[in-house]
Amino acid sequence: MKNITKRFIADESGATAIEYGLVAAMMGIAVVAIFTAFQGKLKTAFETLGTSLDTKAKQIQ
């Protein structure tokens, strides 16, 4: 039983996958937090861009 416990504690084969999973989860949380914080500014920026493109497209026609 001691050998099994020692081998289990020393085994780090799954640690890298878990670490990558944790990093990916933290990055996802950060992206959601950033988009939530800047939601109003992003909406305004895209609306302005859309209006500008519509205006230019009408001028070309």
C-alpha atoms as a PDB file:
ATOM      1  CA  MET A   1       0.000   0.000   0.000  1.00  0.00           C
ATOM      2  CA  LYS A   2       2.883   2.361   0.746  1.00  0.00           C
ATOM      3  CA  ASN A   3       4.350   1.795  -2.712  1.00  0.00           C
ATOM      4  CA  ILE A   4       1.059   2.607  -4.402  1.00  0.00           C
ATOM      5  CA  THR A   5       0.710   5.807  -2.387  1.00  0.00           C
ATOM      6  CA  LYS A   6       4.292   6.868  -3.121  1.00  0.00           C
ATOM      7  CA  ARG A   7       3.863   6.208  -6.854  1.00  0.00           C
ATOM      8  CA  PHE A   8       0.581   8.117  -6.904  1.00  0.00           C
ATOM      9  CA  ILE A   9       2.136  11.154  -5.202  1.00  0.00           C
ATOM     10  CA  ALA A  10       5.207  11.073  -7.474  1.00  0.00           C
ATOM     11  CA  ASP A  11       3.175  10.675 -10.692  1.00  0.00           C
ATOM     12  CA  GLU A  12       2.862  14.039 -12.454  1.00  0.00           C
ATOM     13  CA  SER A  13       1.674  12.840 -15.861  1.00  0.00           C
ATOM     14  CA  GLY A  14      -1.737  14.512 -15.628  1.00  0.00           C
ATOM     15  CA  ALA A  15      -0.512  17.702 -13.992  1.00  0.00           C
ATOM     16  CA  THR A  16       0.350  19.427 -17.277  1.00  0.00           C
ATOM     17  CA  ALA A  17      -3.089  18.807 -18.758  1.00  0.00           C
ATOM     18  CA  ILE A  18      -4.750  20.126 -15.619  1.00  0.00           C
ATOM     19  CA  GLU A  19      -2.523  23.214 -15.641  1.00  0.00           C
ATOM     20  CA  TYR A  20      -3.383  23.923 -19.288  1.00  0.00           C
ATOM     21  CA  GLY A  21      -7.051  23.514 -18.452  1.00  0.00           C
ATOM     22  CA  LEU A  22      -6.791  25.969 -15.569  1.00  0.00           C
ATOM     23  CA  VAL A  23      -4.939  28.514 -17.730  1.00  0.00           C
ATOM     24  CA  ALA A  24      -7.587  28.194 -20.460  1.00  0.00           C
ATOM     25  CA  ALA A  25     -10.373  28.656 -17.912  1.00  0.00           C
ATOM     26  CA  MET A  26      -8.707  31.764 -16.463  1.00  0.00           C
ATOM     27  CA  MET A  27      -8.239  33.227 -19.941  1.00  0.00           C
ATOM     28  CA  GLY A  28     -11.896  32.591 -20.720  1.00  0.00           C
ATOM     29  CA  ILE A  29     -12.978  34.322 -17.529  1.00  0.00           C
ATOM     30  CA  ALA A  30     -10.701  37.270 -18.334  1.00  0.00           C
ATOM     31  CA  VAL A  31     -12.140  37.617 -21.853  1.00  0.00           C
ATOM     32  CA  VAL A  32     -15.708  37.572 -20.527  1.00  0.00           C
ATOM     33  CA  ALA A  33     -14.824  40.140 -17.855  1.00  0.00           C
ATOM     34  CA  ILE A  34     -13.168  42.443 -20.395  1.00  0.00           C
ATOM     35  CA  PHE A  35     -16.062  42.259 -22.854  1.00  0.00           C
ATOM     36  CA  THR A  36     -18.540  42.858 -20.040  1.00  0.00           C
ATOM     37  CA  ALA A  37     -16.593  45.877 -18.796  1.00  0.00           C
ATOM     38  CA  PHE A  38     -16.313  47.450 -22.250  1.00  0.00           C
ATOM     39  CA  GLN A  39     -19.689  46.358 -23.597  1.00  0.00           C
ATOM     40  CA  GLY A  40     -21.077  49.879 -23.997  1.00  0.00           C
ATOM     41  CA  LYS A  41     -17.945  51.248 -25.639  1.00  0.00           C
ATOM     42  CA  LEU A  42     -17.711  48.295 -28.019  1.00  0.00           C
ATOM     43  CA  LYS A  43     -21.357  48.659 -29.008  1.00  0.00           C
ATOM     44  CA  THR A  44     -20.883  52.362 -29.705  1.00  0.00           C
ATOM     45  CA  ALA A  45     -17.719  51.723 -31.716  1.00  0.00           C
ATOM     46  CA  PHE A  46     -19.365  49.087 -33.918  1.00  0.00           C
ATOM     47  CA  GLU A  47     -22.479  51.216 -34.421  1.00  0.00           C
ATOM     48  CA  THR A  48     -20.285  54.146 -35.484  1.00  0.00           C
ATOM     49  CA  LEU A  49     -18.344  51.901 -37.841  1.00  0.00           C
ATOM     50  CA  GLY A  50     -21.563  50.535 -39.347  1.00  0.00           C
ATOM     51  CA  THR A  51     -22.973  54.016 -39.848  1.00  0.00           C
ATOM     52  CA  SER A  52     -19.759  55.160 -41.526  1.00  0.00           C
ATOM     53  CA  LEU A  53     -19.760  52.166 -43.854  1.00  0.00           C
ATOM     54  CA  ASP A  54     -23.418  52.745 -44.758  1.00  0.00           C
ATOM     55  CA  THR A  55     -22.714  56.399 -45.518  1.00  0.00           C
ATOM     56  CA  LYS A  56     -19.724  55.568 -47.730  1.00  0.00           C
ATOM     57  CA  ALA A  57     -21.640  52.805 -49.525  1.00  0.00           C
ATOM     58  CA  LYS A  58     -24.488  55.222 -50.332  1.00  0.00           C
ATOM     59  CA  GLN A  59     -22.001  57.783 -51.649  1.00  0.00           C
ATOM     60  CA  ILE A  60     -20.484  55.199 -54.002  1.00  0.00           C
ATOM     61  CA  GLN A  61     -23.853  54.227 -55.493  1.00  0.00           C
END
